[in-house]
């Protein structure tokens, strides 16, 4: 068996120890900051959800109004069609009017 070399004394990295010590010291503050951030973020999400719900309700109302507005032209077209039919019958009704009045008042033509 070959002779073993004596092990060199282990050197520690001072910078690593300092960094780990600093990390351990700052960890409670980091946890506090994370908790504060999460609380603010959850509050923001809650407000955003409320606003989103209000927008959804508003869009629903707008869609209902638009659907009603689309019905109006159809109803107007039906009304216009009925009026046109009535107007088309007016000349005939007017032509029959004198005879209808005579009959109503009991007028008899001379013979």
Protein backbone atom coordinates (compact mmCIF):
# COMPACT_ATOMS: atom_id res chain seq x y z
CA UNK A 1 0.00 0.00 0.00
CA UNK A 2 1.42 3.35 -1.00
CA UNK A 3 1.96 5.84 1.69
CA UNK A 4 -0.94 8.23 2.21
CA UNK A 5 -0.42 11.90 1.90
CA UNK A 6 -1.35 13.90 4.91
CA UNK A 7 -4.64 15.72 4.39
CA UNK A 8 -4.39 19.43 4.00
CA UNK A 9 -6.26 21.38 6.64
CA UNK A 10 -9.71 22.26 5.40
CA UNK A 11 -10.14 25.91 4.63
CA UNK A 12 -13.52 27.46 5.13
CA UNK A 13 -14.92 30.01 2.81
CA UNK A 14 -15.50 33.10 4.91
CA UNK A 15 -17.67 34.75 2.26
CA UNK A 16 -20.04 31.79 2.16
CA UNK A 17 -20.39 31.81 5.95
CA UNK A 18 -21.10 35.54 5.92
CA UNK A 19 -23.69 35.16 3.17
CA UNK A 20 -25.45 32.33 4.98
CA UNK A 21 -25.43 34.30 8.22
CA UNK A 22 -26.88 37.34 6.44
CA UNK A 23 -29.54 35.16 4.78
CA UNK A 24 -30.55 33.70 8.13
CA UNK A 25 -30.73 37.18 9.66
CA UNK A 26 -32.86 38.55 6.80
CA UNK A 27 -35.19 35.56 6.52
CA UNK A 28 -37.80 36.84 9.06
CA UNK A 29 -38.03 40.16 7.20
CA UNK A 30 -38.38 38.31 3.88
CA UNK A 31 -41.20 36.22 5.32
CA UNK A 32 -42.90 39.38 6.61
CA UNK A 33 -42.56 41.02 3.20
CA UNK A 34 -43.97 37.95 1.48
CA UNK A 35 -46.93 37.88 3.87
CA UNK A 36 -47.61 41.59 3.29
CA UNK A 37 -47.35 41.12 -0.46
CA UNK A 38 -49.71 38.13 -0.42
CA UNK A 39 -52.22 40.05 1.69
CA UNK A 40 -52.13 43.02 -0.70
CA UNK A 41 -52.32 40.70 -3.71
CA UNK A 42 -55.33 38.82 -2.32
CA UNK A 43 -57.04 42.14 -1.60
CA UNK A 44 -56.31 43.26 -5.16
CA UNK A 45 -57.70 40.00 -6.56
CA UNK A 46 -60.85 40.42 -4.49
CA UNK A 47 -61.40 43.96 -5.76
CA UNK A 48 -60.67 42.84 -9.31
CA UNK A 49 -63.21 40.05 -9.00
CA UNK A 50 -65.84 42.52 -7.74
CA UNK A 51 -65.11 44.87 -10.65
CA UNK A 52 -65.23 41.99 -13.10
CA UNK A 53 -68.61 40.90 -11.70
CA UNK A 54 -69.96 44.46 -12.09
CA UNK A 55 -68.71 44.54 -15.70
CA UNK A 56 -70.34 41.17 -16.38
CA UNK A 57 -73.66 42.47 -15.03
CA UNK A 58 -73.32 45.65 -17.09
CA UNK A 59 -72.57 43.70 -20.27
CA UNK A 60 -75.57 41.46 -19.59
CA UNK A 61 -77.81 44.55 -19.31
CA UNK A 62 -76.36 45.97 -22.53
CA UNK A 63 -76.95 42.69 -24.35
CA UNK A 64 -80.57 42.62 -23.11
CA UNK A 65 -81.09 46.19 -24.30
CA UNK A 66 -79.59 45.40 -27.67
CA UNK A 67 -81.84 42.36 -28.01
CA UNK A 68 -84.86 44.56 -27.20
CA UNK A 69 -83.69 47.17 -29.71
CA UNK A 70 -83.52 44.48 -32.38
CA UNK A 71 -87.16 43.62 -31.65
CA UNK A 72 -88.28 47.22 -32.17
CA UNK A 73 -87.57 47.33 -35.93
CA UNK A 74 -89.49 44.08 -36.39
CA UNK A 75 -92.44 45.48 -34.43
CA UNK A 76 -92.25 48.71 -36.41
CA UNK A 77 -92.25 46.79 -39.67
CA UNK A 78 -95.39 44.94 -38.58
CA UNK A 79 -97.06 48.23 -37.61
CA UNK A 80 -96.08 49.86 -40.90
CA UNK A 81 -97.43 46.86 -42.83
CA UNK A 82 -100.78 47.11 -40.99
CA UNK A 83 -100.92 50.86 -41.66
CA UNK A 84 -100.18 50.33 -45.34
CA UNK A 85 -103.01 47.80 -45.56
CA UNK A 86 -105.35 50.26 -43.88
CA UNK A 87 -104.30 53.11 -46.17
CA UNK A 88 -104.75 50.87 -49.20
CA UNK A 89 -108.37 50.24 -48.17
CA UNK A 90 -109.13 53.93 -47.58
CA UNK A 91 -110.05 54.91 -51.18
CA UNK A 92 -112.64 52.14 -51.33
CA UNK A 93 -114.03 53.10 -47.90
CA UNK A 94 -114.17 56.76 -48.90
CA UNK A 95 -115.96 55.88 -52.12
CA UNK A 96 -118.61 53.95 -50.15
CA UNK A 97 -118.96 56.69 -47.54
CA UNK A 98 -121.69 58.83 -49.20
CA UNK A 99 -123.93 55.81 -49.69
CA UNK A 100 -123.29 54.63 -46.12
CA UNK A 101 -124.23 58.09 -44.77
CA UNK A 102 -127.41 58.16 -46.81
CA UNK A 103 -128.42 54.78 -45.46
CA UNK A 104 -127.56 55.82 -41.92
CA UNK A 105 -129.68 58.94 -41.95
CA UNK A 106 -132.49 57.26 -43.84
CA UNK A 107 -132.20 59.30 -47.02
CA UNK A 108 -134.29 57.92 -49.87
CA UNK A 109 -133.52 58.73 -53.42
CA UNK A 110 -136.35 60.19 -55.53
CA UNK A 111 -137.84 57.99 -58.13
